[in-house]
PDB file of N, CA and C in Angstrom:
ATOM      1  N   UNK A   1      -2.098 -10.471 -12.681  1.00  0.00           N
ATOM      2  CA  UNK A   1      -2.942  -9.602 -11.891  1.00  0.00           C
ATOM      3  C   UNK A   1      -3.003 -10.084 -10.437  1.00  0.00           C
ATOM      4  N   UNK A   2      -2.932 -11.397 -10.254  1.00  0.00           N
ATOM      5  CA  UNK A   2      -2.953 -11.937  -8.885  1.00  0.00           C
ATOM      6  C   UNK A   2      -1.732 -11.468  -8.101  1.00  0.00           C
ATOM      7  N   UNK A   3      -0.580 -11.402  -8.792  1.00  0.00           N
ATOM      8  CA  UNK A   3       0.641 -10.937  -8.136  1.00  0.00           C
ATOM      9  C   UNK A   3       0.477  -9.497  -7.662  1.00  0.00           C
ATOM     10  N   UNK A   4      -0.143  -8.687  -8.506  1.00  0.00           N
ATOM     11  CA  UNK A   4      -0.360  -7.277  -8.193  1.00  0.00           C
ATOM     12  C   UNK A   4      -1.247  -7.126  -6.956  1.00  0.00           C
ATOM     13  N   UNK A   5      -2.301  -7.904  -6.903  1.00  0.00           N
ATOM     14  CA  UNK A   5      -3.211  -7.860  -5.752  1.00  0.00           C
ATOM     15  C   UNK A   5      -2.482  -8.321  -4.490  1.00  0.00           C
ATOM     16  N   UNK A   6      -1.653  -9.336  -4.608  1.00  0.00           N
ATOM     17  CA  UNK A   6      -0.887  -9.824  -3.452  1.00  0.00           C
ATOM     18  C   UNK A   6       0.094  -8.767  -2.957  1.00  0.00           C
ATOM     19  N   UNK A   7       0.738  -8.050  -3.880  1.00  0.00           N
ATOM     20  CA  UNK A   7       1.675  -6.993  -3.490  1.00  0.00           C
ATOM     21  C   UNK A   7       0.951  -5.868  -2.770  1.00  0.00           C
ATOM     22  N   UNK A   8      -0.216  -5.485  -3.280  1.00  0.00           N
ATOM     23  CA  UNK A   8      -0.999  -4.422  -2.643  1.00  0.00           C
ATOM     24  C   UNK A   8      -1.412  -4.855  -1.239  1.00  0.00           C
ATOM     25  N   UNK A   9      -1.859  -6.093  -1.106  1.00  0.00           N
ATOM     26  CA  UNK A   9      -2.277  -6.593   0.211  1.00  0.00           C
ATOM     27  C   UNK A   9      -1.102  -6.593   1.191  1.00  0.00           C
ATOM     28  N   UNK A  10       0.063  -6.999   0.727  1.00  0.00           N
ATOM     29  CA  UNK A  10       1.249  -7.021   1.570  1.00  0.00           C
ATOM     30  C   UNK A  10       1.645  -5.618   2.012  1.00  0.00           C
ATOM     31  N   UNK A  11       1.625  -4.687   1.068  1.00  0.00           N
ATOM     32  CA  UNK A  11       1.953  -3.303   1.406  1.00  0.00           C
ATOM     33  C   UNK A  11       0.929  -2.706   2.361  1.00  0.00           C
ATOM     34  N   UNK A  12      -0.329  -3.061   2.175  1.00  0.00           N
ATOM     35  CA  UNK A  12      -1.363  -2.533   3.065  1.00  0.00           C
ATOM     36  C   UNK A  12      -1.152  -3.015   4.498  1.00  0.00           C
ATOM     37  N   UNK A  13      -0.770  -4.268   4.641  1.00  0.00           N
ATOM     38  CA  UNK A  13      -0.514  -4.797   5.985  1.00  0.00           C
ATOM     39  C   UNK A  13       0.620  -4.025   6.653  1.00  0.00           C
ATOM     40  N   UNK A  14       1.691  -3.764   5.898  1.00  0.00           N
ATOM     41  CA  UNK A  14       2.815  -3.004   6.439  1.00  0.00           C
ATOM     42  C   UNK A  14       2.379  -1.577   6.773  1.00  0.00           C
ATOM     43  N   UNK A  15       1.597  -0.983   5.883  1.00  0.00           N
ATOM     44  CA  UNK A  15       1.100   0.369   6.109  1.00  0.00           C
ATOM     45  C   UNK A  15       0.266   0.427   7.380  1.00  0.00           C
ATOM     46  N   UNK A  16      -0.646  -0.516   7.525  1.00  0.00           N
ATOM     47  CA  UNK A  16      -1.546  -0.534   8.675  1.00  0.00           C
ATOM     48  C   UNK A  16      -0.765  -0.679   9.984  1.00  0.00           C
ATOM     49  N   UNK A  17       0.227  -1.565   9.994  1.00  0.00           N
ATOM     50  CA  UNK A  17       1.040  -1.783  11.187  1.00  0.00           C
ATOM     51  C   UNK A  17       1.780  -0.499  11.569  1.00  0.00           C
ATOM     52  N   UNK A  18       2.423   0.122  10.575  1.00  0.00           N
ATOM     53  CA  UNK A  18       3.199   1.333  10.856  1.00  0.00           C
ATOM     54  C   UNK A  18       2.304   2.520  11.201  1.00  0.00           C
ATOM     55  N   UNK A  19       1.182   2.654  10.526  1.00  0.00           N
ATOM     56  CA  UNK A  19       0.265   3.754  10.815  1.00  0.00           C
ATOM     57  C   UNK A  19      -0.284   3.628  12.232  1.00  0.00           C
ATOM     58  N   UNK A  20      -0.623   2.427  12.634  1.00  0.00           N
ATOM     59  CA  UNK A  20      -1.112   2.210  13.999  1.00  0.00           C
ATOM     60  C   UNK A  20      -0.034   2.522  15.036  1.00  0.00           C
ATOM     61  N   UNK A  21       1.212   2.162  14.728  1.00  0.00           N
ATOM     62  CA  UNK A  21       2.303   2.455  15.651  1.00  0.00           C
ATOM     63  C   UNK A  21       2.476   3.963  15.809  1.00  0.00           C
ATOM     64  N   UNK A  22       2.300   4.702  14.729  1.00  0.00           N
ATOM     65  CA  UNK A  22       2.416   6.155  14.818  1.00  0.00           C
ATOM     66  C   UNK A  22       1.271   6.745  15.636  1.00  0.00           C
ATOM     67  N   UNK A  23       0.060   6.310  15.342  1.00  0.00           N
ATOM     68  CA  UNK A  23      -1.108   6.872  16.014  1.00  0.00           C
ATOM     69  C   UNK A  23      -1.143   6.505  17.497  1.00  0.00           C
ATOM     70  N   UNK A  24      -0.912   5.245  17.795  1.00  0.00           N
ATOM     71  CA  UNK A  24      -1.041   4.773  19.168  1.00  0.00           C
ATOM     72  C   UNK A  24       0.160   5.112  20.043  1.00  0.00           C
ATOM     73  N   UNK A  25       1.359   5.033  19.464  1.00  0.00           N
ATOM     74  CA  UNK A  25       2.566   5.208  20.273  1.00  0.00           C
ATOM     75  C   UNK A  25       3.323   6.494  19.973  1.00  0.00           C
ATOM     76  N   UNK A  26       2.902   7.231  18.963  1.00  0.00           N
ATOM     77  CA  UNK A  26       3.607   8.448  18.588  1.00  0.00           C
ATOM     78  C   UNK A  26       4.961   8.171  17.955  1.00  0.00           C
ATOM     79  N   UNK A  27       5.122   7.005  17.345  1.00  0.00           N
ATOM     80  CA  UNK A  27       6.380   6.596  16.731  1.00  0.00           C
ATOM     81  C   UNK A  27       6.561   7.323  15.392  1.00  0.00           C
ATOM     82  N   UNK A  28       7.472   8.295  15.365  1.00  0.00           N
ATOM     83  CA  UNK A  28       7.673   9.104  14.156  1.00  0.00           C
ATOM     84  C   UNK A  28       8.271   8.296  13.007  1.00  0.00           C
ATOM     85  N   UNK A  29       9.175   7.376  13.308  1.00  0.00           N
ATOM     86  CA  UNK A  29       9.792   6.554  12.270  1.00  0.00           C
ATOM     87  C   UNK A  29       8.745   5.664  11.600  1.00  0.00           C
ATOM     88  N   UNK A  30       7.809   5.162  12.377  1.00  0.00           N
ATOM     89  CA  UNK A  30       6.737   4.337  11.816  1.00  0.00           C
ATOM     90  C   UNK A  30       5.865   5.173  10.895  1.00  0.00           C
ATOM     91  N   UNK A  31       5.673   6.435  11.227  1.00  0.00           N
ATOM     92  CA  UNK A  31       4.909   7.332  10.364  1.00  0.00           C
ATOM     93  C   UNK A  31       5.582   7.515   9.024  1.00  0.00           C
ATOM     94  N   UNK A  32       6.900   7.645   9.028  1.00  0.00           N
ATOM     95  CA  UNK A  32       7.648   7.784   7.774  1.00  0.00           C
ATOM     96  C   UNK A  32       7.518   6.511   6.940  1.00  0.00           C
ATOM     97  N   UNK A  33       7.600   5.360   7.591  1.00  0.00           N
ATOM     98  CA  UNK A  33       7.445   4.093   6.862  1.00  0.00           C
ATOM     99  C   UNK A  33       6.037   3.958   6.295  1.00  0.00           C
ATOM    100  N   UNK A  34       5.039   4.393   7.038  1.00  0.00           N
ATOM    101  CA  UNK A  34       3.652   4.325   6.572  1.00  0.00           C
ATOM    102  C   UNK A  34       3.455   5.223   5.345  1.00  0.00           C
ATOM    103  N   UNK A  35       4.038   6.414   5.377  1.00  0.00           N
ATOM    104  CA  UNK A  35       3.921   7.319   4.230  1.00  0.00           C
ATOM    105  C   UNK A  35       4.599   6.728   3.006  1.00  0.00           C
ATOM    106  N   UNK A  36       5.748   6.110   3.205  1.00  0.00           N
ATOM    107  CA  UNK A  36       6.462   5.483   2.086  1.00  0.00           C
ATOM    108  C   UNK A  36       5.622   4.345   1.493  1.00  0.00           C
ATOM    109  N   UNK A  37       5.039   3.537   2.361  1.00  0.00           N
ATOM    110  CA  UNK A  37       4.198   2.428   1.896  1.00  0.00           C
ATOM    111  C   UNK A  37       2.986   2.945   1.139  1.00  0.00           C
ATOM    112  N   UNK A  38       2.431   4.076   1.582  1.00  0.00           N
ATOM    113  CA  UNK A  38       1.254   4.627   0.899  1.00  0.00           C
ATOM    114  C   UNK A  38       1.612   5.078  -0.510  1.00  0.00           C
ATOM    115  N   UNK A  39       2.806   5.625  -0.697  1.00  0.00           N
ATOM    116  CA  UNK A  39       3.238   6.031  -2.038  1.00  0.00           C
ATOM    117  C   UNK A  39       3.444   4.819  -2.941  1.00  0.00           C
ATOM    118  N   UNK A  40       4.016   3.760  -2.388  1.00  0.00           N
ATOM    119  CA  UNK A  40       4.209   2.537  -3.162  1.00  0.00           C
ATOM    120  C   UNK A  40       2.866   1.915  -3.527  1.00  0.00           C
ATOM    121  N   UNK A  41       1.917   1.939  -2.580  1.00  0.00           N
ATOM    122  CA  UNK A  41       0.579   1.408  -2.863  1.00  0.00           C
ATOM    123  C   UNK A  41      -0.092   2.206  -3.965  1.00  0.00           C
ATOM    124  N   UNK A  42       0.097   3.522  -3.937  1.00  0.00           N
ATOM    125  CA  UNK A  42      -0.514   4.375  -4.952  1.00  0.00           C
ATOM    126  C   UNK A  42      -0.061   3.948  -6.346  1.00  0.00           C
ATOM    127  N   UNK A  43       1.231   3.701  -6.514  1.00  0.00           N
ATOM    128  CA  UNK A  43       1.762   3.264  -7.802  1.00  0.00           C
ATOM    129  C   UNK A  43       1.157   1.921  -8.221  1.00  0.00           C
ATOM    130  N   UNK A  44       1.106   0.992  -7.285  1.00  0.00           N
ATOM    131  CA  UNK A  44       0.564  -0.333  -7.597  1.00  0.00           C
ATOM    132  C   UNK A  44      -0.931  -0.273  -7.901  1.00  0.00           C
ATOM    133  N   UNK A  45      -1.657   0.577  -7.193  1.00  0.00           N
ATOM    134  CA  UNK A  45      -3.095   0.690  -7.443  1.00  0.00           C
ATOM    135  C   UNK A  45      -3.370   1.303  -8.812  1.00  0.00           C
ATOM    136  N   UNK A  46      -2.531   2.230  -9.235  1.00  0.00           N
ATOM    137  CA  UNK A  46      -2.674   2.791 -10.580  1.00  0.00           C
ATOM    138  C   UNK A  46      -2.405   1.713 -11.629  1.00  0.00           C
ATOM    139  N   UNK A  47      -1.396   0.897 -11.369  1.00  0.00           N
ATOM    140  CA  UNK A  47      -1.088  -0.205 -12.290  1.00  0.00           C
ATOM    141  C   UNK A  47      -2.248  -1.206 -12.310  1.00  0.00           C
ATOM    142  N   UNK A  48      -2.821  -1.496 -11.145  1.00  0.00           N
ATOM    143  CA  UNK A  48      -3.969  -2.401 -11.080  1.00  0.00           C
ATOM    144  C   UNK A  48      -5.124  -1.864 -11.912  1.00  0.00           C
ATOM    145  N   UNK A  49      -5.384  -0.587 -11.782  1.00  0.00           N
ATOM    146  CA  UNK A  49      -6.475   0.032 -12.540  1.00  0.00           C
ATOM    147  C   UNK A  49      -6.238  -0.120 -14.043  1.00  0.00           C
ATOM    148  N   UNK A  50      -5.009   0.121 -14.461  1.00  0.00           N
ATOM    149  CA  UNK A  50      -4.651   0.001 -15.877  1.00  0.00           C
ATOM    150  C   UNK A  50      -4.854  -1.432 -16.379  1.00  0.00           C
ATOM    151  N   UNK A  51      -4.370  -2.404 -15.620  1.00  0.00           N
ATOM    152  CA  UNK A  51      -4.501  -3.811 -16.004  1.00  0.00           C
ATOM    153  C   UNK A  51      -5.961  -4.239 -15.986  1.00  0.00           C
ATOM    154  N   UNK A  52      -6.702  -3.776 -14.994  1.00  0.00           N
ATOM    155  CA  UNK A  52      -8.112  -4.140 -14.871  1.00  0.00           C
ATOM    156  C   UNK A  52      -8.933  -3.628 -16.058  1.00  0.00           C
ATOM    157  N   UNK A  53      -8.653  -2.397 -16.468  1.00  0.00           N
ATOM    158  CA  UNK A  53      -9.369  -1.830 -17.618  1.00  0.00           C
ATOM    159  C   UNK A  53      -9.043  -2.607 -18.877  1.00  0.00           C
ATOM    160  N   UNK A  54      -7.778  -2.952 -19.050  1.00  0.00           N
ATOM    161  CA  UNK A  54      -7.371  -3.714 -20.232  1.00  0.00           C
ATOM    162  C   UNK A  54      -8.030  -5.104 -20.268  1.00  0.00           C
ATOM    163  N   UNK A  55      -8.123  -5.742 -19.129  1.00  0.00           N
ATOM    164  CA  UNK A  55      -8.703  -7.092 -19.112  1.00  0.00           C
ATOM    165  C   UNK A  55     -10.223  -7.050 -19.281  1.00  0.00           C
ATOM    166  N   UNK A  56     -10.852  -5.922 -19.004  1.00  0.00           N
ATOM    167  CA  UNK A  56     -12.293  -5.797 -19.141  1.00  0.00           C
ATOM    168  C   UNK A  56     -12.730  -5.587 -20.585  1.00  0.00           C
ATOM    169  N   UNK A  57     -11.783  -5.215 -21.434  1.00  0.00           N
ATOM    170  CA  UNK A  57     -12.127  -4.946 -22.842  1.00  0.00           C
ATOM    171  C   UNK A  57     -12.372  -6.199 -23.616  1.00  0.00           C
TER     172      UNK A  57
END
């Protein structure tokens, strides 16, 4: 579970950097990277939820 949290944190950092580049500088490529990172985070967060529920039982 620690690995999963570390992966989410890493992806969030990349997402935040790229999203800021899009918003502040109008960088379209950074926007595409941010969207891709958000989809990857979504998958990992769903997996985290599944693991968290299982460990709570």
